C-alpha atoms as a PDB file:
ATOM      1  CA  MET A   1     -20.430   4.816  -5.908  1.00  0.00           C
ATOM      2  CA  THR A   2     -17.143   6.189  -7.427  1.00  0.00           C
ATOM      3  CA  TYR A   3     -14.767   3.427  -8.858  1.00  0.00           C
ATOM      4  CA  ILE A   4     -11.092   3.678  -9.443  1.00  0.00           C
ATOM      5  CA  VAL A   5      -9.388   1.743 -12.363  1.00  0.00           C
ATOM      6  CA  GLN A   6      -5.814   2.174 -10.476  1.00  0.00           C
ATOM      7  CA  ALA A   7      -4.392  -0.576  -8.594  1.00  0.00           C
ATOM      8  CA  ILE A   8      -2.132   0.119  -5.605  1.00  0.00           C
ATOM      9  CA  GLU A   9       1.170  -1.703  -5.531  1.00  0.00           C
ATOM     10  CA  THR A  10       3.035  -1.785  -2.180  1.00  0.00           C
ATOM     11  CA  ARG A  11       6.880  -2.577  -1.501  1.00  0.00           C
ATOM     12  CA  TYR A  12       8.829  -3.276   1.568  1.00  0.00           C
ATOM     13  CA  LEU A  13      12.192  -1.117   1.316  1.00  0.00           C
ATOM     14  CA  GLY A  14      14.941  -2.188   3.457  1.00  0.00           C
ATOM     15  CA  PRO A  15      16.521   0.427   6.209  1.00  0.00           C
ATOM     16  CA  THR A  16      19.470   2.615   5.388  1.00  0.00           C
ATOM     17  CA  ASN A  17      22.255   4.176   7.430  1.00  0.00           C
ATOM     18  CA  THR A  18      19.562   7.337   7.563  1.00  0.00           C
ATOM     19  CA  LYS A  19      15.894   5.911   7.907  1.00  0.00           C
ATOM     20  CA  GLY A  20      14.440   2.912   9.299  1.00  0.00           C
ATOM     21  CA  SER A  21      12.618   0.125   7.019  1.00  0.00           C
ATOM     22  CA  ARG A  22       9.673   1.512   5.593  1.00  0.00           C
ATOM     23  CA  ILE A  23       6.806   0.576   3.041  1.00  0.00           C
ATOM     24  CA  LYS A  24       5.663   2.440  -0.266  1.00  0.00           C
ATOM     25  CA  ALA A  25       2.498   2.420  -1.325  1.00  0.00           C
ATOM     26  CA  SER A  26       2.317   4.011  -5.168  1.00  0.00           C
ATOM     27  CA  ALA A  27      -0.855   4.098  -8.052  1.00  0.00           C
ATOM     28  CA  GLY A  28      -0.821   6.044 -11.143  1.00  0.00           C
ATOM     29  CA  ALA A  29      -2.054   8.909  -9.139  1.00  0.00           C
ATOM     30  CA  GLY A  30       0.587   8.994  -6.727  1.00  0.00           C
ATOM     31  CA  SER A  31       2.444   7.722  -4.077  1.00  0.00           C
ATOM     32  CA  ILE A  32       3.246   7.775  -0.532  1.00  0.00           C
ATOM     33  CA  THR A  33       6.164   6.146   1.813  1.00  0.00           C
ATOM     34  CA  VAL A  34       5.124   5.089   5.472  1.00  0.00           C
ATOM     35  CA  PRO A  35       7.100   4.083   8.610  1.00  0.00           C
ATOM     36  CA  TYR A  36       6.847  -0.163   8.811  1.00  0.00           C
ATOM     37  CA  ASP A  37       4.736  -0.812  11.836  1.00  0.00           C
ATOM     38  CA  TYR A  38       6.736  -3.585  13.208  1.00  0.00           C
ATOM     39  CA  ALA A  39       3.218  -4.166  15.343  1.00  0.00           C
ATOM     40  CA  LEU A  40       1.389  -5.530  12.757  1.00  0.00           C
ATOM     41  CA  SER A  41       1.849  -8.507  10.237  1.00  0.00           C
ATOM     42  CA  THR A  42       3.731  -7.949   6.814  1.00  0.00           C
ATOM     43  CA  GLU A  43       0.079  -8.393   5.216  1.00  0.00           C
ATOM     44  CA  ARG A  44      -1.495  -5.970   7.679  1.00  0.00           C
ATOM     45  CA  ALA A  45       1.527  -3.025   7.572  1.00  0.00           C
ATOM     46  CA  HIS A  46       1.205  -3.261   3.399  1.00  0.00           C
ATOM     47  CA  ALA A  47      -2.331  -3.123   3.969  1.00  0.00           C
ATOM     48  CA  ALA A  48      -1.627  -0.086   5.909  1.00  0.00           C
ATOM     49  CA  ALA A  49       0.208   1.699   3.901  1.00  0.00           C
ATOM     50  CA  ALA A  50      -2.040   1.185   0.959  1.00  0.00           C
ATOM     51  CA  LYS A  51      -5.059   2.584   3.339  1.00  0.00           C
ATOM     52  CA  ALA A  52      -2.794   5.735   3.725  1.00  0.00           C
ATOM     53  CA  LEU A  53      -2.335   6.168   0.145  1.00  0.00           C
ATOM     54  CA  ARG A  54      -6.073   5.733  -0.101  1.00  0.00           C
ATOM     55  CA  ALA A  55      -6.932   8.221   2.189  1.00  0.00           C
ATOM     56  CA  LYS A  56      -4.221  10.819   0.812  1.00  0.00           C
ATOM     57  CA  LEU A  57      -6.138  10.335  -2.413  1.00  0.00           C
ATOM     58  CA  GLY A  58      -9.468  10.375  -1.242  1.00  0.00           C
ATOM     59  CA  TRP A  59      -9.989   7.035  -2.420  1.00  0.00           C
ATOM     60  CA  THR A  60     -12.603   6.183   0.792  1.00  0.00           C
ATOM     61  CA  GLU A  61     -15.360   4.523  -0.789  1.00  0.00           C
ATOM     62  CA  GLY A  62     -15.717   0.649  -1.480  1.00  0.00           C
ATOM     63  CA  GLN A  63     -14.104  -2.654  -0.375  1.00  0.00           C
ATOM     64  CA  TRP A  64     -10.163  -3.539  -1.583  1.00  0.00           C
ATOM     65  CA  VAL A  65      -9.209  -6.756  -2.093  1.00  0.00           C
ATOM     66  CA  GLN A  66      -5.069  -7.702  -1.390  1.00  0.00           C
ATOM     67  CA  GLY A  67      -3.002  -9.926  -3.326  1.00  0.00           C
ATOM     68  CA  GLY A  68       0.684 -11.203  -3.154  1.00  0.00           C
ATOM     69  CA  ASN A  69       2.596  -9.424  -6.425  1.00  0.00           C
ATOM     70  CA  VAL A  70       5.398 -11.520  -8.881  1.00  0.00           C
ATOM     71  CA  ALA A  71       8.441 -10.422  -7.451  1.00  0.00           C
ATOM     72  CA  GLY A  72       7.841 -11.180  -3.987  1.00  0.00           C
ATOM     73  CA  ASN A  73       8.180  -8.309  -2.212  1.00  0.00           C
ATOM     74  CA  GLY A  74       4.880  -6.631  -1.729  1.00  0.00           C
ATOM     75  CA  TYR A  75       1.387  -6.570  -2.635  1.00  0.00           C
ATOM     76  CA  VAL A  76      -1.273  -5.349  -4.957  1.00  0.00           C
ATOM     77  CA  PHE A  77      -5.078  -3.745  -4.003  1.00  0.00           C
ATOM     78  CA  VAL A  78      -7.556  -3.006  -6.107  1.00  0.00           C
ATOM     79  CA  GLN A  79     -11.189  -2.139  -5.432  1.00  0.00           C
ATOM     80  CA  ALA A  80     -13.561  -5.097  -5.778  1.00  0.00           C
ATOM     81  CA  ASP A  81     -17.083  -3.751  -6.017  1.00  0.00           C
END
């Protein structure tokens, strides 16, 4: 198993005149911005964005855990195993 030593942080981006609400997932290795999925709870929408970033970076192994961030506008994900 390969261990990832980078956390993923997500944050909510509110709508603008030209774009709807989005969630940005970032890590040192890269980032991705996805449309906000209103069919999901807030926690699950952020988890989906983190999962999309993990897929983009090829971080498909391992278990990840989620916690709130200090700013209160997103979540942090770290590999747990």
